[in-house]
Amino acid sequence: MIVYLLLLNRQSFHLLAFFCLYSMEVITMSTTPSTLGCIACWPSSADAAYEALKNLQTEIELVDESHFTVKIRSCPKCEQLFVSVFTERIDWQDGDDPQCWSVMPLTPEEAQKLSAKGGAAGISALPTARQSLCHDAPKGSAARNYWCQGIAIRPHD
């Protein structure tokens, strides 16, 4: 096909060749809610997705308290935006503080609205049916990763 285009129109060949090279090297964020993210930031396994969080970059810290944080983060490969919420309760008796991280992909419009509204108010306006990742480390139990829906702000100190 490229040879055929080259014989007909050399300029079209150059544009097509550039497009093919460009699309193979650059991963772009999807804006369809069912396909948000890429394999690097939002793999199908909850355990792999939790490991992938280490590579996300913090874009904005909306809430930065010692036991409650809300951040907008992004994937360095596809630029997918995520909301990340951390909550922690202090266990004064045993020192086994229950902690939870919830992460959900966002569209650029959702990230903009969340930034404008801020912490809890902005989170309550986010889609509740979208797949999200939970990393739950309850008191007295091993931490686990699992898929859930939406973002809930858990109790925190």
N, C-alpha and C. Protein backbone atom coordinates (compact mmCIF):
# COMPACT_ATOMS: atom_id res chain seq x y z
N MET A 1 0.82 -1.19 0.00
CA MET A 1 0.00 0.00 0.00
C MET A 1 0.87 1.25 0.00
N ILE A 2 1.92 1.28 0.78
CA ILE A 2 2.79 2.45 0.81
C ILE A 2 3.47 2.64 -0.53
N VAL A 3 3.90 1.57 -1.16
CA VAL A 3 4.53 1.67 -2.48
C VAL A 3 3.54 2.23 -3.47
N TYR A 4 2.30 1.78 -3.42
CA TYR A 4 1.26 2.29 -4.31
C TYR A 4 1.07 3.79 -4.11
N LEU A 5 1.00 4.24 -2.89
CA LEU A 5 0.85 5.67 -2.62
C LEU A 5 2.09 6.44 -3.05
N LEU A 6 3.23 5.86 -2.90
CA LEU A 6 4.47 6.50 -3.32
C LEU A 6 4.47 6.74 -4.82
N LEU A 7 4.00 5.78 -5.57
CA LEU A 7 3.96 5.93 -7.03
C LEU A 7 2.94 6.98 -7.46
N LEU A 8 1.83 7.06 -6.71
CA LEU A 8 0.80 8.02 -7.08
C LEU A 8 1.11 9.43 -6.60
N ASN A 9 1.56 9.53 -5.38
CA ASN A 9 1.73 10.86 -4.81
C ASN A 9 2.81 10.80 -3.73
N ARG A 10 3.95 11.30 -4.02
CA ARG A 10 5.06 11.22 -3.08
C ARG A 10 4.76 11.95 -1.78
N GLN A 11 4.07 13.08 -1.82
CA GLN A 11 3.73 13.84 -0.62
C GLN A 11 2.83 13.01 0.31
N SER A 12 1.86 12.30 -0.22
CA SER A 12 0.98 11.46 0.59
C SER A 12 1.77 10.36 1.29
N PHE A 13 2.74 9.80 0.61
CA PHE A 13 3.57 8.77 1.22
C PHE A 13 4.28 9.31 2.45
N HIS A 14 4.85 10.49 2.34
CA HIS A 14 5.58 11.06 3.48
C HIS A 14 4.64 11.30 4.66
N LEU A 15 3.45 11.80 4.40
CA LEU A 15 2.50 12.02 5.49
C LEU A 15 2.09 10.70 6.13
N LEU A 16 1.82 9.69 5.33
CA LEU A 16 1.43 8.39 5.86
C LEU A 16 2.57 7.76 6.66
N ALA A 17 3.78 7.84 6.16
CA ALA A 17 4.92 7.28 6.87
C ALA A 17 5.12 7.99 8.20
N PHE A 18 4.98 9.31 8.24
CA PHE A 18 5.12 10.05 9.49
C PHE A 18 4.04 9.62 10.47
N PHE A 19 2.80 9.51 10.01
CA PHE A 19 1.71 9.11 10.88
C PHE A 19 1.97 7.73 11.47
N CYS A 20 2.41 6.79 10.69
CA CYS A 20 2.67 5.44 11.20
C CYS A 20 3.78 5.44 12.24
N LEU A 21 4.85 6.16 12.00
CA LEU A 21 5.94 6.22 12.97
C LEU A 21 5.48 6.92 14.24
N TYR A 22 4.75 8.00 14.10
CA TYR A 22 4.29 8.77 15.25
C TYR A 22 3.34 7.93 16.11
N SER A 23 2.39 7.26 15.48
CA SER A 23 1.41 6.52 16.26
C SER A 23 2.02 5.29 16.94
N MET A 24 3.13 4.77 16.43
CA MET A 24 3.77 3.63 17.07
C MET A 24 4.57 4.05 18.30
N GLU A 25 5.03 5.27 18.35
CA GLU A 25 5.90 5.69 19.44
C GLU A 25 5.16 6.42 20.56
N VAL A 26 4.05 7.03 20.25
CA VAL A 26 3.35 7.85 21.24
C VAL A 26 2.06 7.15 21.64
N ILE A 27 1.87 6.98 22.92
CA ILE A 27 0.62 6.43 23.44
C ILE A 27 -0.19 7.61 23.93
N THR A 28 -1.44 7.68 23.53
CA THR A 28 -2.25 8.81 23.97
C THR A 28 -3.35 8.34 24.90
N MET A 29 -3.78 9.24 25.77
CA MET A 29 -4.82 8.93 26.73
C MET A 29 -6.15 8.75 26.01
N SER A 30 -6.87 7.74 26.37
CA SER A 30 -8.21 7.54 25.85
C SER A 30 -9.17 8.35 26.70
N THR A 31 -10.21 8.87 26.08
CA THR A 31 -11.20 9.62 26.86
C THR A 31 -12.50 8.83 27.00
N THR A 32 -12.54 7.61 26.49
CA THR A 32 -13.70 6.76 26.67
C THR A 32 -13.60 6.14 28.06
N PRO A 33 -14.59 6.38 28.94
CA PRO A 33 -14.47 5.89 30.32
C PRO A 33 -14.18 4.40 30.45
N SER A 34 -14.65 3.57 29.53
CA SER A 34 -14.40 2.13 29.66
C SER A 34 -12.97 1.75 29.28
N THR A 35 -12.25 2.65 28.61
CA THR A 35 -10.89 2.33 28.18
C THR A 35 -9.88 3.37 28.64
N LEU A 36 -10.10 3.96 29.78
CA LEU A 36 -9.16 4.96 30.28
C LEU A 36 -7.84 4.31 30.65
N GLY A 37 -6.75 5.02 30.40
CA GLY A 37 -5.42 4.54 30.78
C GLY A 37 -4.79 3.65 29.73
N CYS A 38 -3.58 3.20 30.04
CA CYS A 38 -2.83 2.30 29.16
C CYS A 38 -2.35 1.11 29.99
N ILE A 39 -1.71 0.17 29.36
CA ILE A 39 -1.24 -1.03 30.05
C ILE A 39 -0.21 -0.69 31.12
N ALA A 40 0.51 0.41 30.94
CA ALA A 40 1.54 0.80 31.92
C ALA A 40 0.94 1.35 33.20
N CYS A 41 -0.21 2.03 33.11
CA CYS A 41 -0.77 2.67 34.30
C CYS A 41 -2.05 2.02 34.81
N TRP A 42 -2.74 1.26 33.98
CA TRP A 42 -4.02 0.70 34.37
C TRP A 42 -4.16 -0.73 33.85
N PRO A 43 -3.25 -1.62 34.27
CA PRO A 43 -3.32 -3.02 33.82
C PRO A 43 -4.57 -3.71 34.37
N SER A 44 -4.87 -4.89 33.85
CA SER A 44 -6.10 -5.58 34.23
C SER A 44 -6.07 -6.17 35.64
N SER A 45 -4.92 -6.48 36.17
CA SER A 45 -4.79 -7.05 37.51
C SER A 45 -4.72 -5.93 38.55
N ALA A 46 -5.48 -6.06 39.62
CA ALA A 46 -5.46 -5.06 40.69
C ALA A 46 -4.07 -4.97 41.34
N ASP A 47 -3.41 -6.11 41.51
CA ASP A 47 -2.06 -6.09 42.10
C ASP A 47 -1.07 -5.37 41.19
N ALA A 48 -1.16 -5.62 39.88
CA ALA A 48 -0.27 -4.95 38.92
C ALA A 48 -0.59 -3.46 38.85
N ALA A 49 -1.86 -3.10 38.95
CA ALA A 49 -2.25 -1.69 38.92
C ALA A 49 -1.70 -0.96 40.15
N TYR A 50 -1.72 -1.63 41.30
CA TYR A 50 -1.16 -1.00 42.51
C TYR A 50 0.34 -0.76 42.34
N GLU A 51 1.05 -1.72 41.78
CA GLU A 51 2.49 -1.54 41.52
C GLU A 51 2.73 -0.41 40.53
N ALA A 52 1.85 -0.27 39.55
CA ALA A 52 2.00 0.78 38.53
C ALA A 52 1.83 2.18 39.12
N LEU A 53 1.15 2.28 40.26
CA LEU A 53 0.95 3.60 40.89
C LEU A 53 2.26 4.27 41.24
N LYS A 54 3.29 3.48 41.49
CA LYS A 54 4.60 4.04 41.85
C LYS A 54 5.17 4.90 40.74
N ASN A 55 4.74 4.66 39.51
CA ASN A 55 5.27 5.41 38.37
C ASN A 55 4.45 6.65 38.03
N LEU A 56 3.29 6.82 38.66
CA LEU A 56 2.48 8.00 38.38
C LEU A 56 3.13 9.25 38.98
N GLN A 57 2.98 10.35 38.27
CA GLN A 57 3.54 11.62 38.73
C GLN A 57 2.43 12.45 39.38
N THR A 58 2.77 13.14 40.46
CA THR A 58 1.81 14.03 41.10
C THR A 58 1.73 15.33 40.32
N GLU A 59 0.52 15.68 39.90
CA GLU A 59 0.29 16.93 39.17
C GLU A 59 -0.15 18.03 40.13
N ILE A 60 -1.13 17.70 40.99
CA ILE A 60 -1.70 18.69 41.92
C ILE A 60 -2.02 17.99 43.23
N GLU A 61 -1.67 18.63 44.34
CA GLU A 61 -2.10 18.14 45.66
C GLU A 61 -3.26 19.01 46.10
N LEU A 62 -4.45 18.44 46.10
CA LEU A 62 -5.64 19.20 46.48
C LEU A 62 -5.82 19.24 47.99
N VAL A 63 -5.49 18.15 48.67
CA VAL A 63 -5.53 18.08 50.13
C VAL A 63 -4.23 17.41 50.55
N ASP A 64 -3.53 18.03 51.48
CA ASP A 64 -2.25 17.48 51.95
C ASP A 64 -2.21 17.53 53.46
N GLU A 65 -2.88 16.57 54.08
CA GLU A 65 -2.87 16.43 55.53
C GLU A 65 -2.13 15.14 55.86
N SER A 66 -1.72 14.99 57.10
CA SER A 66 -0.93 13.80 57.44
C SER A 66 -1.72 12.50 57.32
N HIS A 67 -3.04 12.54 57.49
CA HIS A 67 -3.84 11.32 57.46
C HIS A 67 -4.91 11.34 56.36
N PHE A 68 -4.84 12.34 55.49
CA PHE A 68 -5.82 12.46 54.41
C PHE A 68 -5.19 13.27 53.28
N THR A 69 -5.05 12.64 52.11
CA THR A 69 -4.53 13.36 50.94
C THR A 69 -5.42 13.09 49.74
N VAL A 70 -5.52 14.10 48.90
CA VAL A 70 -6.20 13.99 47.61
C VAL A 70 -5.26 14.59 46.58
N LYS A 71 -4.91 13.80 45.57
CA LYS A 71 -3.98 14.26 44.54
C LYS A 71 -4.54 13.94 43.16
N ILE A 72 -4.15 14.76 42.20
CA ILE A 72 -4.35 14.42 40.80
C ILE A 72 -2.99 14.00 40.29
N ARG A 73 -2.93 12.78 39.75
CA ARG A 73 -1.66 12.22 39.28
C ARG A 73 -1.80 11.88 37.80
N SER A 74 -0.67 11.62 37.15
CA SER A 74 -0.72 11.31 35.72
C SER A 74 0.28 10.23 35.35
N CYS A 75 -0.05 9.52 34.29
CA CYS A 75 0.84 8.49 33.74
C CYS A 75 1.87 9.18 32.85
N PRO A 76 3.16 8.93 33.04
CA PRO A 76 4.17 9.55 32.20
C PRO A 76 4.17 9.02 30.76
N LYS A 77 3.52 7.87 30.53
CA LYS A 77 3.51 7.30 29.17
C LYS A 77 2.33 7.79 28.34
N CYS A 78 1.12 7.75 28.91
CA CYS A 78 -0.07 8.10 28.12
C CYS A 78 -0.74 9.39 28.58
N GLU A 79 -0.26 9.98 29.67
CA GLU A 79 -0.78 11.22 30.24
C GLU A 79 -2.17 11.07 30.85
N GLN A 80 -2.61 9.82 31.07
CA GLN A 80 -3.89 9.60 31.73
C GLN A 80 -3.86 10.24 33.11
N LEU A 81 -4.94 10.91 33.47
CA LEU A 81 -5.06 11.55 34.78
C LEU A 81 -5.80 10.62 35.73
N PHE A 82 -5.44 10.69 37.00
CA PHE A 82 -6.05 9.88 38.05
C PHE A 82 -6.30 10.76 39.27
N VAL A 83 -7.34 10.44 40.02
CA VAL A 83 -7.49 11.00 41.35
C VAL A 83 -7.00 9.92 42.31
N SER A 84 -6.23 10.33 43.30
CA SER A 84 -5.68 9.41 44.29
C SER A 84 -6.05 9.94 45.67
N VAL A 85 -6.70 9.10 46.46
CA VAL A 85 -7.14 9.49 47.81
C VAL A 85 -6.52 8.54 48.82
N PHE A 86 -5.87 9.10 49.83
CA PHE A 86 -5.28 8.31 50.91
C PHE A 86 -5.97 8.70 52.21
N THR A 87 -6.37 7.70 52.99
CA THR A 87 -6.94 7.95 54.32
C THR A 87 -6.27 7.03 55.33
N GLU A 88 -6.17 7.54 56.56
CA GLU A 88 -5.54 6.77 57.64
C GLU A 88 -6.20 7.13 58.97
N ARG A 89 -6.44 6.12 59.77
CA ARG A 89 -6.92 6.31 61.15
C ARG A 89 -5.78 5.94 62.07
N ILE A 90 -5.58 6.68 63.12
CA ILE A 90 -4.51 6.38 64.07
C ILE A 90 -5.00 5.33 65.06
N ASP A 91 -4.23 4.28 65.21
CA ASP A 91 -4.51 3.23 66.19
C ASP A 91 -3.63 3.53 67.40
N TRP A 92 -4.19 4.23 68.38
CA TRP A 92 -3.42 4.65 69.55
C TRP A 92 -3.04 3.49 70.45
N GLN A 93 -3.79 2.40 70.42
CA GLN A 93 -3.52 1.26 71.29
C GLN A 93 -2.42 0.35 70.76
N ASP A 94 -2.54 -0.08 69.50
CA ASP A 94 -1.62 -1.09 68.97
C ASP A 94 -0.65 -0.55 67.92
N GLY A 95 -0.85 0.66 67.46
CA GLY A 95 0.04 1.22 66.45
C GLY A 95 -0.14 0.61 65.06
N ASP A 96 -1.25 -0.09 64.84
CA ASP A 96 -1.54 -0.72 63.55
C ASP A 96 -2.57 0.13 62.82
N ASP A 97 -2.11 1.27 62.29
CA ASP A 97 -3.00 2.25 61.69
C ASP A 97 -3.66 1.72 60.42
N PRO A 98 -4.99 1.64 60.37
CA PRO A 98 -5.66 1.25 59.13
C PRO A 98 -5.46 2.34 58.07
N GLN A 99 -5.09 1.92 56.86
CA GLN A 99 -4.84 2.85 55.76
C GLN A 99 -5.57 2.36 54.52
N CYS A 100 -5.94 3.31 53.66
CA CYS A 100 -6.59 2.96 52.41
C CYS A 100 -6.19 3.96 51.33
N TRP A 101 -5.88 3.45 50.15
CA TRP A 101 -5.65 4.27 48.96
C TRP A 101 -6.73 3.90 47.96
N SER A 102 -7.36 4.90 47.36
CA SER A 102 -8.31 4.69 46.27
C SER A 102 -7.84 5.51 45.09
N VAL A 103 -7.86 4.90 43.91
CA VAL A 103 -7.36 5.57 42.70
C VAL A 103 -8.35 5.30 41.57
N MET A 104 -8.66 6.37 40.82
CA MET A 104 -9.59 6.22 39.70
C MET A 104 -9.15 7.11 38.54
N PRO A 105 -9.22 6.60 37.31
CA PRO A 105 -8.87 7.43 36.16
C PRO A 105 -9.90 8.54 35.95
N LEU A 106 -9.43 9.65 35.44
CA LEU A 106 -10.28 10.82 35.19
C LEU A 106 -10.14 11.27 33.74
N THR A 107 -11.19 11.87 33.22
CA THR A 107 -11.07 12.57 31.95
C THR A 107 -10.47 13.94 32.26
N PRO A 108 -9.92 14.64 31.28
CA PRO A 108 -9.39 15.98 31.54
C PRO A 108 -10.45 16.93 32.12
N GLU A 109 -11.69 16.81 31.65
CA GLU A 109 -12.76 17.67 32.16
C GLU A 109 -13.04 17.38 33.64
N GLU A 110 -13.05 16.10 34.01
CA GLU A 110 -13.28 15.73 35.41
C GLU A 110 -12.15 16.24 36.29
N ALA A 111 -10.92 16.14 35.81
CA ALA A 111 -9.77 16.63 36.58
C ALA A 111 -9.86 18.14 36.78
N GLN A 112 -10.29 18.85 35.75
CA GLN A 112 -10.43 20.30 35.86
C GLN A 112 -11.50 20.67 36.88
N LYS A 113 -12.64 19.98 36.85
CA LYS A 113 -13.71 20.25 37.82
C LYS A 113 -13.27 19.90 39.23
N LEU A 114 -12.55 18.79 39.38
CA LEU A 114 -12.06 18.38 40.70
C LEU A 114 -11.09 19.42 41.24
N SER A 115 -10.22 19.93 40.39
CA SER A 115 -9.26 20.97 40.81
C SER A 115 -9.99 22.22 41.27
N ALA A 116 -11.05 22.58 40.57
CA ALA A 116 -11.80 23.79 40.90
C ALA A 116 -12.57 23.65 42.21
N LYS A 117 -13.17 22.47 42.44
CA LYS A 117 -13.98 22.26 43.64
C LYS A 117 -13.16 21.90 44.86
N GLY A 118 -12.04 21.23 44.64
CA GLY A 118 -11.20 20.83 45.77
C GLY A 118 -11.49 19.42 46.25
N GLY A 119 -11.14 19.16 47.50
CA GLY A 119 -11.15 17.82 48.09
C GLY A 119 -12.47 17.08 48.09
N ALA A 120 -13.14 17.00 49.22
CA ALA A 120 -14.33 16.16 49.38
C ALA A 120 -15.46 16.59 48.45
N ALA A 121 -15.66 17.88 48.28
CA ALA A 121 -16.74 18.36 47.41
C ALA A 121 -16.51 17.92 45.97
N GLY A 122 -15.29 18.00 45.51
CA GLY A 122 -14.98 17.58 44.15
C GLY A 122 -15.10 16.09 43.95
N ILE A 123 -14.72 15.32 44.95
CA ILE A 123 -14.78 13.85 44.85
C ILE A 123 -16.23 13.38 44.77
N SER A 124 -17.12 14.02 45.50
CA SER A 124 -18.52 13.59 45.48
C SER A 124 -19.17 13.81 44.11
N ALA A 125 -18.59 14.66 43.27
CA ALA A 125 -19.13 14.93 41.94
C ALA A 125 -18.59 13.97 40.87
N LEU A 126 -17.65 13.11 41.23
CA LEU A 126 -17.05 12.18 40.27
C LEU A 126 -17.98 11.00 39.99
N PRO A 127 -17.80 10.34 38.83
CA PRO A 127 -18.64 9.18 38.51
C PRO A 127 -18.53 8.09 39.58
N THR A 128 -19.65 7.53 39.95
CA THR A 128 -19.65 6.49 40.99
C THR A 128 -19.60 5.08 40.43
N ALA A 129 -19.85 4.92 39.13
CA ALA A 129 -19.87 3.58 38.54
C ALA A 129 -18.57 3.21 37.84
N ARG A 130 -17.61 4.13 37.77
CA ARG A 130 -16.35 3.84 37.08
C ARG A 130 -15.46 2.96 37.94
N GLN A 131 -14.75 2.05 37.28
CA GLN A 131 -13.83 1.16 37.99
C GLN A 131 -12.73 1.97 38.67
N SER A 132 -12.46 1.61 39.90
CA SER A 132 -11.37 2.24 40.65
C SER A 132 -10.58 1.14 41.35
N LEU A 133 -9.42 1.51 41.83
CA LEU A 133 -8.54 0.57 42.52
C LEU A 133 -8.50 0.92 43.99
N CYS A 134 -8.63 -0.09 44.83
CA CYS A 134 -8.49 0.10 46.27
C CYS A 134 -7.31 -0.72 46.78
N HIS A 135 -6.50 -0.08 47.60
CA HIS A 135 -5.44 -0.76 48.35
C HIS A 135 -5.83 -0.57 49.80
N ASP A 136 -6.27 -1.64 50.42
CA ASP A 136 -6.81 -1.58 51.76
C ASP A 136 -5.86 -2.29 52.72
N ALA A 137 -5.41 -1.57 53.74
CA ALA A 137 -4.54 -2.14 54.77
C ALA A 137 -5.25 -1.98 56.12
N PRO A 138 -6.22 -2.88 56.40
CA PRO A 138 -6.98 -2.75 57.65
C PRO A 138 -6.17 -3.18 58.87
N LYS A 139 -6.60 -2.74 60.01
CA LYS A 139 -5.94 -3.13 61.26
C LYS A 139 -6.05 -4.64 61.45
N GLY A 140 -4.92 -5.25 61.75
CA GLY A 140 -4.90 -6.67 62.07
C GLY A 140 -4.98 -7.61 60.88
N SER A 141 -4.97 -7.09 59.67
CA SER A 141 -5.06 -7.95 58.48
C SER A 141 -4.01 -7.53 57.46
N ALA A 142 -3.72 -8.44 56.55
CA ALA A 142 -2.78 -8.13 55.47
C ALA A 142 -3.42 -7.16 54.48
N ALA A 143 -2.59 -6.32 53.90
CA ALA A 143 -3.07 -5.39 52.88
C ALA A 143 -3.51 -6.18 51.65
N ARG A 144 -4.50 -5.65 50.94
CA ARG A 144 -4.95 -6.30 49.72
C ARG A 144 -5.36 -5.25 48.70
N ASN A 145 -5.25 -5.63 47.44
CA ASN A 145 -5.62 -4.77 46.32
C ASN A 145 -6.85 -5.38 45.66
N TYR A 146 -7.81 -4.54 45.30
CA TYR A 146 -9.00 -5.05 44.63
C TYR A 146 -9.66 -3.93 43.83
N TRP A 147 -10.46 -4.34 42.85
CA TRP A 147 -11.20 -3.38 42.04
C TRP A 147 -12.51 -3.04 42.74
N CYS A 148 -12.88 -1.80 42.67
CA CYS A 148 -14.17 -1.36 43.20
C CYS A 148 -14.73 -0.32 42.23
N GLN A 149 -15.70 0.45 42.67
CA GLN A 149 -16.28 1.47 41.80
C GLN A 149 -16.33 2.80 42.53
N GLY A 150 -16.00 3.87 41.79
CA GLY A 150 -16.05 5.21 42.36
C GLY A 150 -14.97 5.42 43.41
N ILE A 151 -15.03 6.59 44.02
CA ILE A 151 -14.08 6.94 45.09
C ILE A 151 -14.89 7.30 46.33
N ALA A 152 -14.64 6.60 47.40
CA ALA A 152 -15.28 6.91 48.67
C ALA A 152 -14.20 7.41 49.62
N ILE A 153 -14.49 8.48 50.32
CA ILE A 153 -13.54 8.98 51.32
C ILE A 153 -13.82 8.23 52.62
N ARG A 154 -12.88 7.42 53.01
CA ARG A 154 -13.03 6.62 54.23
C ARG A 154 -12.76 7.49 55.46
N PRO A 155 -13.17 7.00 56.63
CA PRO A 155 -12.87 7.75 57.86
C PRO A 155 -11.37 7.95 58.02
N HIS A 156 -11.01 9.10 58.54
CA HIS A 156 -9.59 9.43 58.74
C HIS A 156 -9.45 10.39 59.91
N ASP A 157 -8.24 10.48 60.43
CA ASP A 157 -7.95 11.41 61.52
C ASP A 157 -7.41 12.70 60.96
